[in-house]
Amino acid sequence: MKYGARNRITARVKSLQRGDVMSLVKFSVTEPHEMASVLTTESVNDLGLQPGDAVELVIKAIHVLPVKP
């Protein structure tokens, strides 16, 4: 899959807070030290995100999009 965003950071899922509709996912990264993203819970479930998972963060404008390799 191709992405329009060019800024990418390798990260690990640090924690998940699941809600009925939206979920907060925090990531550990080298620089800066931590980032977070708010996604739909459906997206979190579809990606199968779990704490400790390696992901690539695709950053475009104000959005942080986790992409599981």
C-alpha atoms as a PDB file:
ATOM      1  CA  MET A   1       0.000   0.000   0.000  1.00  0.00           C
ATOM      2  CA  LYS A   2       1.306   3.486  -0.842  1.00  0.00           C
ATOM      3  CA  TYR A   3       0.913   6.486   1.470  1.00  0.00           C
ATOM      4  CA  GLY A   4       0.835  10.183   0.637  1.00  0.00           C
ATOM      5  CA  ALA A   5       2.714  11.024   3.837  1.00  0.00           C
ATOM      6  CA  ARG A   6       6.517  11.026   3.762  1.00  0.00           C
ATOM      7  CA  ASN A   7       7.343  11.270   7.496  1.00  0.00           C
ATOM      8  CA  ARG A   8       7.707   7.812   9.003  1.00  0.00           C
ATOM      9  CA  ILE A   9       8.924   6.734  12.435  1.00  0.00           C
ATOM     10  CA  THR A  10       9.466   3.177  13.701  1.00  0.00           C
ATOM     11  CA  ALA A  11       7.724   2.642  17.049  1.00  0.00           C
ATOM     12  CA  ARG A  12       6.305   0.098  19.506  1.00  0.00           C
ATOM     13  CA  VAL A  13       2.782   0.108  20.921  1.00  0.00           C
ATOM     14  CA  LYS A  14       3.166   1.165  24.565  1.00  0.00           C
ATOM     15  CA  SER A  15      -0.450   1.033  25.743  1.00  0.00           C
ATOM     16  CA  LEU A  16      -4.069   0.883  24.569  1.00  0.00           C
ATOM     17  CA  GLN A  17      -7.194   2.461  26.067  1.00  0.00           C
ATOM     18  CA  ARG A  18     -10.170   0.993  24.200  1.00  0.00           C
ATOM     19  CA  GLY A  19     -13.530   2.732  24.116  1.00  0.00           C
ATOM     20  CA  ASP A  20     -16.768   1.746  22.420  1.00  0.00           C
ATOM     21  CA  VAL A  21     -16.041   3.934  19.382  1.00  0.00           C
ATOM     22  CA  MET A  22     -12.549   5.470  19.782  1.00  0.00           C
ATOM     23  CA  SER A  23      -9.299   4.134  21.254  1.00  0.00           C
ATOM     24  CA  LEU A  24      -6.140   5.910  22.460  1.00  0.00           C
ATOM     25  CA  VAL A  25      -2.915   4.169  21.408  1.00  0.00           C
ATOM     26  CA  LYS A  26       0.423   5.361  22.863  1.00  0.00           C
ATOM     27  CA  PHE A  27       3.712   4.547  21.137  1.00  0.00           C
ATOM     28  CA  SER A  28       7.333   4.409  22.310  1.00  0.00           C
ATOM     29  CA  VAL A  29       9.675   6.019  19.783  1.00  0.00           C
ATOM     30  CA  THR A  30      13.348   7.016  19.808  1.00  0.00           C
ATOM     31  CA  GLU A  31      12.807  10.706  18.954  1.00  0.00           C
ATOM     32  CA  PRO A  32      10.599  12.231  20.284  1.00  0.00           C
ATOM     33  CA  HIS A  33      10.308   9.803  23.189  1.00  0.00           C
ATOM     34  CA  GLU A  34       6.572   9.098  22.935  1.00  0.00           C
ATOM     35  CA  MET A  35       3.695   9.755  20.547  1.00  0.00           C
ATOM     36  CA  ALA A  36      -0.014   8.966  20.660  1.00  0.00           C
ATOM     37  CA  SER A  37      -2.851   8.481  18.197  1.00  0.00           C
ATOM     38  CA  VAL A  38      -6.624   8.403  18.602  1.00  0.00           C
ATOM     39  CA  LEU A  39      -8.207   5.853  16.256  1.00  0.00           C
ATOM     40  CA  THR A  40     -11.561   4.187  15.951  1.00  0.00           C
ATOM     41  CA  THR A  41     -11.743   1.028  18.047  1.00  0.00           C
ATOM     42  CA  GLU A  42     -12.661  -0.805  14.845  1.00  0.00           C
ATOM     43  CA  SER A  43      -9.293   0.229  13.346  1.00  0.00           C
ATOM     44  CA  VAL A  44      -7.414  -0.898  16.481  1.00  0.00           C
ATOM     45  CA  ASN A  45      -9.165  -4.274  16.271  1.00  0.00           C
ATOM     46  CA  ASP A  46      -8.608  -4.582  12.497  1.00  0.00           C
ATOM     47  CA  LEU A  47      -4.868  -3.909  12.936  1.00  0.00           C
ATOM     48  CA  GLY A  48      -4.725  -6.344  15.854  1.00  0.00           C
ATOM     49  CA  LEU A  49      -2.664  -3.841  17.868  1.00  0.00           C
ATOM     50  CA  GLN A  50      -1.250  -5.074  21.172  1.00  0.00           C
ATOM     51  CA  PRO A  51       1.267  -3.513  23.596  1.00  0.00           C
ATOM     52  CA  GLY A  52       4.784  -4.393  22.423  1.00  0.00           C
ATOM     53  CA  ASP A  53       3.842  -4.636  18.699  1.00  0.00           C
ATOM     54  CA  ALA A  54       6.294  -3.052  16.256  1.00  0.00           C
ATOM     55  CA  VAL A  55       4.611  -0.491  14.003  1.00  0.00           C
ATOM     56  CA  GLU A  56       5.611   2.256  11.606  1.00  0.00           C
ATOM     57  CA  LEU A  57       4.020   5.637  12.302  1.00  0.00           C
ATOM     58  CA  VAL A  58       3.019   7.520   9.170  1.00  0.00           C
ATOM     59  CA  ILE A  59       2.651  11.205  10.010  1.00  0.00           C
ATOM     60  CA  LYS A  60       0.617  13.540   7.831  1.00  0.00           C
ATOM     61  CA  ALA A  61      -0.538  16.969   9.049  1.00  0.00           C
ATOM     62  CA  ILE A  62      -1.865  16.467  12.595  1.00  0.00           C
ATOM     63  CA  HIS A  63      -2.587  12.759  12.159  1.00  0.00           C
ATOM     64  CA  VAL A  64      -0.431   9.856  13.369  1.00  0.00           C
ATOM     65  CA  LEU A  65      -1.361   6.682  11.441  1.00  0.00           C
ATOM     66  CA  PRO A  66      -0.009   3.378  12.790  1.00  0.00           C
ATOM     67  CA  VAL A  67       0.852   0.838  10.065  1.00  0.00           C
ATOM     68  CA  LYS A  68       1.562  -2.742  11.137  1.00  0.00           C
ATOM     69  CA  PRO A  69       4.201  -4.363   8.848  1.00  0.00           C
END
